[in-house]
């Protein structure tokens, strides 16, 4: 199978600020394996960039064999050659699934034996800004039924309050490990009056004792994201959280995401599907698993101004998968 790639630069509608960084332009890599398409959405937090993705692709592009249906063998072989580098692996994984679906003339969700109806609505992320600007961003996205508000900085409770003042919709908050354990417990108490659905990654995931204390005293569910990469990481967080956030770019793609869902369920954990800043390619790939999870945060393509692809439909936060073969996305100019 022949692999090619090219980079895309995704321009954010607003500078996207979280507790540790600000993004205005995101550089991703589109991978094609024959007519299959995938997307690498690398994150510096996990030691990746478009350049490291390309380096990995060059190392493995001639070792894919000629049968995409041997995806487990292919990805296992790649894993031995490029440890880590999960977004690069995710792009290959997506492209292989897309290719399989196209060869069989069915959507990927059918290939996986899943329901193409996504029963959940996705949240829409409101990045850190002044309270007034966060009000404006929320009003701009007034058709959404759930908002995820980025926190983890000084005066962030005021930011949540500002969003609540302009919407009755559900609110989730994500601190991206921006608090310490004592601060997190105090702020979670303060957040209760704003009807928060859950708190994502309140503190450094390495602080296991802090996470346990937070979970034991919090009335609001706790979701873990940072540093929970693959299914092998899940057991160490059992008892420290109520659920996990799975991202294809963080775990290596659809195949590993499925493993994570099954392991999480075996441990009684809730599951959220999240994303990086991605085009409709990466979002459509994650959305194929939408019928298996409890929460969706698949808005990466909605935060950008220049998505080069289309195929997913959206109505008031509800995603509608295409019935076209594979992932169901095509270039907008096609």
Protein backbone atom coordinates (compact mmCIF):
# COMPACT_ATOMS: atom_id res chain seq x y z
CA UNK A 1 0.00 0.00 0.00
CA UNK A 2 1.26 3.46 -0.95
CA UNK A 3 1.36 6.18 1.74
CA UNK A 4 1.54 9.90 1.00
CA UNK A 5 1.09 12.93 3.25
CA UNK A 6 0.84 16.69 3.32
CA UNK A 7 0.54 19.34 6.05
CA UNK A 8 -2.42 21.63 6.66
CA UNK A 9 -2.54 24.81 8.74
CA UNK A 10 -5.80 25.23 10.64
CA UNK A 11 -6.65 28.80 11.67
CA UNK A 12 -8.54 29.21 14.95
CA UNK A 13 -11.61 31.48 14.95
CA UNK A 14 -10.36 32.89 18.27
CA UNK A 15 -6.97 32.46 19.94
CA UNK A 16 -7.50 29.22 21.87
CA UNK A 17 -6.15 29.57 25.38
CA UNK A 18 -5.99 26.84 28.01
CA UNK A 19 -4.16 26.89 31.34
CA UNK A 20 -0.75 26.08 29.80
CA UNK A 21 -0.77 27.45 26.23
CA UNK A 22 -2.36 29.61 23.53
CA UNK A 23 -2.95 28.42 19.94
CA UNK A 24 -3.80 30.58 16.92
CA UNK A 25 -2.74 28.27 14.08
CA UNK A 26 -2.50 24.46 14.32
CA UNK A 27 -0.27 22.52 11.95
CA UNK A 28 -1.58 19.00 11.29
CA UNK A 29 -0.62 16.27 8.82
CA UNK A 30 -3.05 14.57 6.43
CA UNK A 31 -2.13 10.97 5.54
CA UNK A 32 -3.39 9.06 2.50
CA UNK A 33 -3.00 5.30 2.15
CA UNK A 34 -4.27 4.57 -1.35
CA UNK A 35 -7.74 6.21 -1.26
CA UNK A 36 -7.94 6.09 2.57
CA UNK A 37 -7.49 9.31 4.56
CA UNK A 38 -6.38 10.04 8.13
CA UNK A 39 -5.18 13.00 10.17
CA UNK A 40 -2.36 13.49 12.66
CA UNK A 41 -3.10 16.24 15.19
CA UNK A 42 0.18 16.42 17.15
CA UNK A 43 0.50 18.13 20.52
CA UNK A 44 3.70 19.60 21.96
CA UNK A 45 2.45 18.52 25.39
CA UNK A 46 2.95 14.92 24.29
CA UNK A 47 6.25 15.63 22.54
CA UNK A 48 4.91 15.69 18.99
CA UNK A 49 4.86 18.17 16.12
CA UNK A 50 4.14 18.06 12.40
CA UNK A 51 7.86 17.49 11.90
CA UNK A 52 8.02 14.46 14.23
CA UNK A 53 4.91 13.04 12.53
CA UNK A 54 6.53 13.32 9.10
CA UNK A 55 9.71 11.72 10.41
CA UNK A 56 7.68 8.76 11.70
CA UNK A 57 5.73 8.42 8.46
CA UNK A 58 8.96 8.30 6.48
CA UNK A 59 10.23 5.48 8.70
CA UNK A 60 7.21 3.23 8.22
CA UNK A 61 5.62 4.21 4.90
CA UNK A 62 7.19 1.30 2.99
CA UNK A 63 6.22 -1.31 5.61
CA UNK A 64 2.44 -1.33 5.42
CA UNK A 65 2.06 -4.44 3.29
CA UNK A 66 -0.77 -4.73 0.79
CA UNK A 67 -3.82 -5.67 2.93
CA UNK A 68 -5.49 -2.99 5.08
CA UNK A 69 -7.63 -5.68 6.72
CA UNK A 70 -4.52 -6.82 8.59
CA UNK A 71 -4.74 -3.61 10.59
CA UNK A 72 -3.88 -5.20 13.96
CA UNK A 73 -0.67 -6.70 12.55
CA UNK A 74 0.22 -3.48 10.71
CA UNK A 75 -0.26 -1.23 13.74
CA UNK A 76 1.53 -3.66 16.04
CA UNK A 77 4.52 -3.69 13.68
CA UNK A 78 4.52 0.11 13.49
CA UNK A 79 4.34 0.34 17.27
CA UNK A 80 7.60 -1.59 17.54
CA UNK A 81 9.35 0.82 15.20
CA UNK A 82 8.04 4.16 16.51
CA UNK A 83 7.37 4.11 20.24
CA UNK A 84 5.04 6.87 21.33
CA UNK A 85 4.23 9.21 18.43
CA UNK A 86 0.54 8.47 18.89
CA UNK A 87 -0.86 11.10 16.53
CA UNK A 88 1.25 9.72 13.66
CA UNK A 89 -0.08 6.23 14.42
CA UNK A 90 -3.62 7.59 14.65
CA UNK A 91 -3.38 9.03 11.14
CA UNK A 92 -2.30 5.65 9.75
CA UNK A 93 -5.05 3.90 11.74
CA UNK A 94 -7.74 6.26 10.42
CA UNK A 95 -6.52 5.94 6.83
CA UNK A 96 -6.58 2.14 7.06
CA UNK A 97 -10.11 2.11 8.46
CA UNK A 98 -11.23 4.58 5.79
CA UNK A 99 -9.65 2.40 3.13
CA UNK A 100 -11.31 -0.76 4.46
CA UNK A 101 -14.70 0.95 4.52
CA UNK A 102 -14.26 2.12 0.94
CA UNK A 103 -13.20 -1.32 -0.25
CA UNK A 104 -16.33 -2.82 1.34
CA UNK A 105 -18.51 0.17 0.33
CA UNK A 106 -19.71 0.71 3.93
CA UNK A 107 -19.16 3.41 6.59
CA UNK A 108 -16.52 2.68 9.23
CA UNK A 109 -19.15 2.46 11.97
CA UNK A 110 -20.77 -0.46 10.13
CA UNK A 111 -17.37 -2.07 9.70
CA UNK A 112 -17.07 -1.90 13.50
CA UNK A 113 -20.56 -3.30 14.02
CA UNK A 114 -21.82 -0.04 15.53
CA UNK A 115 -24.86 2.20 15.21
CA UNK A 116 -24.41 5.19 12.94
CA UNK A 117 -26.80 7.28 15.02
CA UNK A 118 -24.83 9.33 17.55
CA UNK A 119 -27.21 9.71 20.52
CA UNK A 120 -25.19 12.44 22.25
CA UNK A 121 -24.55 16.10 21.54
CA UNK A 122 -21.04 17.47 21.53
CA UNK A 123 -19.89 20.22 23.83
CA UNK A 124 -18.46 23.44 22.41
CA UNK A 125 -15.29 24.74 24.04
CA UNK A 126 -14.98 28.28 25.38
CA UNK A 127 -11.30 29.07 25.75
CA UNK A 128 -9.85 31.19 28.54
CA UNK A 129 -10.37 34.92 28.05
CA UNK A 130 -11.79 37.89 29.92
CA UNK A 131 -15.25 37.23 31.40
CA UNK A 132 -16.82 39.62 28.89
CA UNK A 133 -15.13 37.97 25.92
CA UNK A 134 -16.18 34.55 27.19
CA UNK A 135 -19.76 35.81 27.34
CA UNK A 136 -19.45 36.97 23.73
CA UNK A 137 -18.00 33.62 22.60
CA UNK A 138 -20.84 31.78 24.30
CA UNK A 139 -23.43 34.01 22.61
CA UNK A 140 -21.74 33.42 19.24
CA UNK A 141 -22.24 29.67 19.78
CA UNK A 142 -25.75 30.06 21.17
CA UNK A 143 -27.17 26.99 19.37
CA UNK A 144 -25.09 24.53 21.41
CA UNK A 145 -26.60 22.63 24.32
CA UNK A 146 -23.35 21.98 26.22
CA UNK A 147 -20.31 24.20 26.78
CA UNK A 148 -16.90 23.16 28.01
CA UNK A 149 -15.25 26.09 29.76
CA UNK A 150 -11.48 26.12 30.08
CA UNK A 151 -10.28 27.01 33.58
CA UNK A 152 -7.11 26.49 35.64
CA UNK A 153 -5.98 30.12 35.92
CA UNK A 154 -6.50 33.05 38.27
CA UNK A 155 -10.10 34.33 38.46
CA UNK A 156 -11.45 31.36 36.51
CA UNK A 157 -14.52 31.06 38.73
CA UNK A 158 -15.55 34.50 37.47
CA UNK A 159 -15.16 33.19 33.92
CA UNK A 160 -17.50 30.28 34.60
CA UNK A 161 -19.94 32.65 36.27
CA UNK A 162 -19.87 34.89 33.18
CA UNK A 163 -20.72 31.98 30.89
CA UNK A 164 -23.52 30.85 33.19
CA UNK A 165 -24.99 34.37 33.11
CA UNK A 166 -25.68 34.08 29.38
CA UNK A 167 -26.79 30.45 29.06
CA UNK A 168 -28.93 27.81 30.76
CA UNK A 169 -27.12 25.05 28.86
CA UNK A 170 -24.97 22.38 30.53
CA UNK A 171 -21.49 23.49 31.51
CA UNK A 172 -18.42 21.32 31.90
CA UNK A 173 -15.07 22.71 33.04
CA UNK A 174 -11.54 21.64 32.12
CA UNK A 175 -8.57 22.82 34.16
CA UNK A 176 -5.93 21.04 32.05
CA UNK A 177 -4.07 20.26 35.30
CA UNK A 178 -3.86 23.99 36.09
CA UNK A 179 -4.78 23.68 39.79
CA UNK A 180 -3.05 22.08 42.74
CA UNK A 181 -4.99 19.65 44.95
CA UNK A 182 -5.95 22.16 47.65
CA UNK A 183 -6.96 24.80 45.10
CA UNK A 184 -8.96 22.24 43.12
CA UNK A 185 -11.03 21.15 46.11
CA UNK A 186 -11.80 24.76 46.99
CA UNK A 187 -12.71 25.75 43.43
CA UNK A 188 -14.82 22.66 42.80
CA UNK A 189 -16.86 23.60 45.89
CA UNK A 190 -17.33 27.09 44.44
CA UNK A 191 -18.36 25.69 41.06
CA UNK A 192 -21.26 23.66 42.45
CA UNK A 193 -23.63 26.63 42.36
CA UNK A 194 -23.18 26.91 38.58
CA UNK A 195 -24.55 23.43 37.87
CA UNK A 196 -21.34 21.90 36.52
CA UNK A 197 -21.75 18.51 34.80
CA UNK A 198 -18.17 17.39 35.48
CA UNK A 199 -14.62 18.64 36.06
CA UNK A 200 -11.94 17.49 33.67
CA UNK A 201 -8.30 17.09 34.75
CA UNK A 202 -8.32 19.32 37.84
CA UNK A 203 -4.67 18.66 38.82
CA UNK A 204 -1.43 17.07 37.63
CA UNK A 205 -2.24 13.41 36.86
CA UNK A 206 0.96 12.36 38.64
CA UNK A 207 -0.55 13.54 41.94
CA UNK A 208 -2.47 10.33 42.60
CA UNK A 209 -3.01 11.10 46.30
CA UNK A 210 -4.44 14.51 45.39
CA UNK A 211 -6.76 12.99 42.81
CA UNK A 212 -8.04 10.44 45.32
CA UNK A 213 -8.80 13.16 47.88
CA UNK A 214 -10.56 15.32 45.29
CA UNK A 215 -12.73 12.45 44.08
CA UNK A 216 -13.67 11.41 47.63
CA UNK A 217 -14.93 14.87 48.56
CA UNK A 218 -16.26 16.16 45.24
CA UNK A 219 -19.98 16.06 44.48
CA UNK A 220 -19.10 16.75 40.84
CA UNK A 221 -17.73 13.85 38.73
CA UNK A 222 -14.03 13.94 37.84
CA UNK A 223 -12.77 13.05 34.35
CA UNK A 224 -9.09 12.26 33.62
CA UNK A 225 -7.42 13.26 30.34
CA UNK A 226 -3.76 14.29 30.47
CA UNK A 227 -1.26 11.41 30.63
CA UNK A 228 -3.98 8.76 30.29
CA UNK A 229 -2.82 7.71 26.87
CA UNK A 230 -3.74 4.07 26.16
CA UNK A 231 -5.66 1.16 27.66
CA UNK A 232 -2.57 0.18 29.65
CA UNK A 233 -2.82 3.44 31.65
CA UNK A 234 -6.43 3.04 32.78
CA UNK A 235 -5.97 0.69 35.77
CA UNK A 236 -3.71 3.13 37.64
CA UNK A 237 -6.51 5.72 37.68
CA UNK A 238 -9.25 3.39 38.95
CA UNK A 239 -10.60 4.87 42.18
CA UNK A 240 -9.14 8.29 41.35
CA UNK A 241 -11.78 9.47 38.89
CA UNK A 242 -15.27 8.83 37.56
CA UNK A 243 -14.36 8.67 33.89
CA UNK A 244 -11.73 9.07 31.19
CA UNK A 245 -11.27 11.19 28.08
CA UNK A 246 -10.18 9.27 24.98
CA UNK A 247 -8.63 11.12 22.04
CA UNK A 248 -7.56 9.32 18.88
CA UNK A 249 -4.53 11.58 18.50
CA UNK A 250 -3.48 10.72 22.06
CA UNK A 251 -4.05 6.94 22.02
CA UNK A 252 -3.09 6.01 18.45
CA UNK A 253 -6.40 5.73 16.65
CA UNK A 254 -9.71 3.90 16.43
CA UNK A 255 -8.36 0.42 17.21
CA UNK A 256 -6.79 1.47 20.53
CA UNK A 257 -9.76 3.71 21.38
CA UNK A 258 -11.98 0.63 21.19
CA UNK A 259 -9.67 -1.19 23.61
CA UNK A 260 -9.80 1.79 25.97
CA UNK A 261 -13.59 1.86 25.94
CA UNK A 262 -13.78 -1.83 26.84
CA UNK A 263 -11.18 -1.55 29.62
CA UNK A 264 -12.87 1.54 31.05
CA UNK A 265 -16.25 -0.20 31.09
CA UNK A 266 -14.71 -3.23 32.82
CA UNK A 267 -13.61 -0.87 35.60
CA UNK A 268 -16.97 0.90 35.85
CA UNK A 269 -15.72 4.18 34.38
CA UNK A 270 -17.59 6.68 32.23
CA UNK A 271 -16.13 7.47 28.81
CA UNK A 272 -15.80 10.71 26.91
CA UNK A 273 -14.57 11.08 23.33
CA UNK A 274 -12.44 14.19 23.01
CA UNK A 275 -10.25 15.76 20.35
CA UNK A 276 -7.44 18.12 19.55
CA UNK A 277 -7.80 21.03 17.12
CA UNK A 278 -8.51 18.95 14.02
CA UNK A 279 -10.23 19.09 10.66
CA UNK A 280 -13.36 17.10 9.87
CA UNK A 281 -11.14 14.10 9.04
CA UNK A 282 -10.03 13.51 12.63
CA UNK A 283 -13.42 14.43 14.07
CA UNK A 284 -15.28 12.08 11.73
CA UNK A 285 -12.93 9.25 12.69
CA UNK A 286 -13.66 9.73 16.41
CA UNK A 287 -17.38 10.17 15.79
CA UNK A 288 -17.57 6.63 14.36
CA UNK A 289 -17.36 5.49 18.02
CA UNK A 290 -20.00 7.96 19.22
CA UNK A 291 -22.62 5.32 20.01
CA UNK A 292 -20.32 3.68 22.59
CA UNK A 293 -19.61 6.55 24.98
CA UNK A 294 -21.24 8.78 27.61
CA UNK A 295 -19.94 12.23 26.62
CA UNK A 296 -18.77 13.88 23.41
CA UNK A 297 -16.30 16.73 23.06
CA UNK A 298 -15.78 16.62 19.30
CA UNK A 299 -15.64 20.27 18.35
CA UNK A 300 -12.08 20.68 17.03
CA UNK A 301 -13.33 21.31 13.49
CA UNK A 302 -15.86 23.85 14.77
CA UNK A 303 -13.16 26.00 16.37
CA UNK A 304 -11.39 26.66 13.05
CA UNK A 305 -12.11 28.97 10.12
CA UNK A 306 -10.63 26.94 7.28
CA UNK A 307 -11.63 23.28 7.56
CA UNK A 308 -10.52 21.77 4.20
CA UNK A 309 -12.90 18.79 4.51
CA UNK A 310 -16.61 18.13 4.87
CA UNK A 311 -18.97 15.22 5.47
CA UNK A 312 -20.08 15.51 9.09
CA UNK A 313 -23.34 17.35 9.65
CA UNK A 314 -24.16 19.30 12.81
CA UNK A 315 -27.43 20.58 14.25
CA UNK A 316 -27.45 22.24 17.69
CA UNK A 317 -24.44 20.23 18.76
CA UNK A 318 -25.76 16.92 17.46
CA UNK A 319 -23.48 15.12 15.01
CA UNK A 320 -24.80 13.22 12.01
CA UNK A 321 -22.44 10.70 10.43
CA UNK A 322 -22.32 10.31 6.68
CA UNK A 323 -23.56 7.06 5.15
CA UNK A 324 -20.80 7.29 2.54
CA UNK A 325 -18.12 4.57 2.59
CA UNK A 326 -15.23 4.88 5.03
CA UNK A 327 -15.10 7.96 7.26
CA UNK A 328 -17.46 9.82 4.93
CA UNK A 329 -15.34 12.95 4.49
CA UNK A 330 -14.14 14.55 1.26
CA UNK A 331 -12.16 17.69 0.36
CA UNK A 332 -14.43 20.72 0.13
CA UNK A 333 -13.19 21.46 -3.40
CA UNK A 334 -14.08 17.97 -4.65
